[in-house]
Amino acid sequence: RRICLGEALARMELFLFIAGMFQRFKFEPEDKSSELPTLKEVFGGTLVPQPFKLRFVDRKV
């Protein structure tokens, strides 16, 4: 099987990007009164999570 030489680098970069987002921001529901979504999936050809809007709040570091 042939593989992309940059795949491992791309995975590491993606991990660092996501880790940086968690380090810099807090993730909150867009509407404070809304409940967190259930983990029940929606079937529509494939299983997908229910839509949910988030707000990124800058951490005071």
C-alpha atoms as a PDB file:
ATOM      1  CA  ARG A   1       0.000   0.000   0.000  1.00  0.00           C
ATOM      2  CA  ARG A   2       1.337   3.421  -0.902  1.00  0.00           C
ATOM      3  CA  ILE A   3       0.978   6.209   1.645  1.00  0.00           C
ATOM      4  CA  CYS A   4       1.413   9.935   1.603  1.00  0.00           C
ATOM      5  CA  LEU A   5       4.746  10.980   3.094  1.00  0.00           C
ATOM      6  CA  GLY A   6       3.165  14.063   4.647  1.00  0.00           C
ATOM      7  CA  GLU A   7       0.279  12.262   6.377  1.00  0.00           C
ATOM      8  CA  ALA A   8       2.062  11.951   9.748  1.00  0.00           C
ATOM      9  CA  LEU A   9       3.095  15.611   9.609  1.00  0.00           C
ATOM     10  CA  ALA A  10      -0.461  16.677   8.761  1.00  0.00           C
ATOM     11  CA  ARG A  11      -1.845  14.680  11.706  1.00  0.00           C
ATOM     12  CA  MET A  12       0.672  16.262  14.093  1.00  0.00           C
ATOM     13  CA  GLU A  13      -0.142  19.749  12.801  1.00  0.00           C
ATOM     14  CA  LEU A  14      -3.873  19.118  13.215  1.00  0.00           C
ATOM     15  CA  PHE A  15      -3.317  17.891  16.782  1.00  0.00           C
ATOM     16  CA  LEU A  16      -1.274  21.001  17.634  1.00  0.00           C
ATOM     17  CA  PHE A  17      -3.906  23.295  16.103  1.00  0.00           C
ATOM     18  CA  ILE A  18      -6.764  21.704  18.061  1.00  0.00           C
ATOM     19  CA  ALA A  19      -4.720  21.635  21.292  1.00  0.00           C
ATOM     20  CA  GLY A  20      -3.973  25.336  20.802  1.00  0.00           C
ATOM     21  CA  MET A  21      -7.676  26.085  20.368  1.00  0.00           C
ATOM     22  CA  PHE A  22      -8.497  24.297  23.647  1.00  0.00           C
ATOM     23  CA  GLN A  23      -5.663  26.147  25.372  1.00  0.00           C
ATOM     24  CA  ARG A  24      -6.688  29.609  24.177  1.00  0.00           C
ATOM     25  CA  PHE A  25     -10.499  29.424  24.186  1.00  0.00           C
ATOM     26  CA  LYS A  26     -13.353  28.204  26.343  1.00  0.00           C
ATOM     27  CA  PHE A  27     -16.194  26.598  24.415  1.00  0.00           C
ATOM     28  CA  GLU A  28     -19.673  27.550  25.628  1.00  0.00           C
ATOM     29  CA  PRO A  29     -23.190  27.134  24.243  1.00  0.00           C
ATOM     30  CA  GLU A  30     -24.157  30.118  22.090  1.00  0.00           C
ATOM     31  CA  ASP A  31     -27.281  30.620  24.175  1.00  0.00           C
ATOM     32  CA  LYS A  32     -26.583  30.299  27.915  1.00  0.00           C
ATOM     33  CA  SER A  33     -30.116  29.041  28.570  1.00  0.00           C
ATOM     34  CA  SER A  34     -29.822  26.185  26.074  1.00  0.00           C
ATOM     35  CA  GLU A  35     -29.135  22.684  27.287  1.00  0.00           C
ATOM     36  CA  LEU A  36     -26.192  20.661  26.092  1.00  0.00           C
ATOM     37  CA  PRO A  37     -27.058  18.448  23.130  1.00  0.00           C
ATOM     38  CA  THR A  38     -27.855  14.805  23.603  1.00  0.00           C
ATOM     39  CA  LEU A  39     -25.549  12.233  22.095  1.00  0.00           C
ATOM     40  CA  LYS A  40     -28.424  10.746  20.114  1.00  0.00           C
ATOM     41  CA  GLU A  41     -27.536  10.725  16.449  1.00  0.00           C
ATOM     42  CA  VAL A  42     -29.655  11.824  13.497  1.00  0.00           C
ATOM     43  CA  PHE A  43     -29.977   9.341  10.644  1.00  0.00           C
ATOM     44  CA  GLY A  44     -29.956  10.752   7.136  1.00  0.00           C
ATOM     45  CA  GLY A  45     -28.013   8.342   4.965  1.00  0.00           C
ATOM     46  CA  THR A  46     -25.219   8.505   7.511  1.00  0.00           C
ATOM     47  CA  LEU A  47     -25.252   9.008  11.266  1.00  0.00           C
ATOM     48  CA  VAL A  48     -24.439  12.570  12.273  1.00  0.00           C
ATOM     49  CA  PRO A  49     -24.614  14.387  15.608  1.00  0.00           C
ATOM     50  CA  GLN A  50     -27.412  16.862  16.229  1.00  0.00           C
ATOM     51  CA  PRO A  51     -26.542  20.471  15.329  1.00  0.00           C
ATOM     52  CA  PHE A  52     -25.258  22.623  18.182  1.00  0.00           C
ATOM     53  CA  LYS A  53     -23.917  26.185  18.132  1.00  0.00           C
ATOM     54  CA  LEU A  54     -20.867  27.082  20.217  1.00  0.00           C
ATOM     55  CA  ARG A  55     -19.280  30.337  21.225  1.00  0.00           C
ATOM     56  CA  PHE A  56     -15.493  30.616  21.580  1.00  0.00           C
ATOM     57  CA  VAL A  57     -14.603  32.758  24.603  1.00  0.00           C
ATOM     58  CA  ASP A  58     -11.033  34.007  24.937  1.00  0.00           C
ATOM     59  CA  ARG A  59      -9.394  32.740  28.121  1.00  0.00           C
ATOM     60  CA  LYS A  60      -7.829  35.374  30.352  1.00  0.00           C
ATOM     61  CA  VAL A  61      -4.345  33.859  30.559  1.00  0.00           C
END
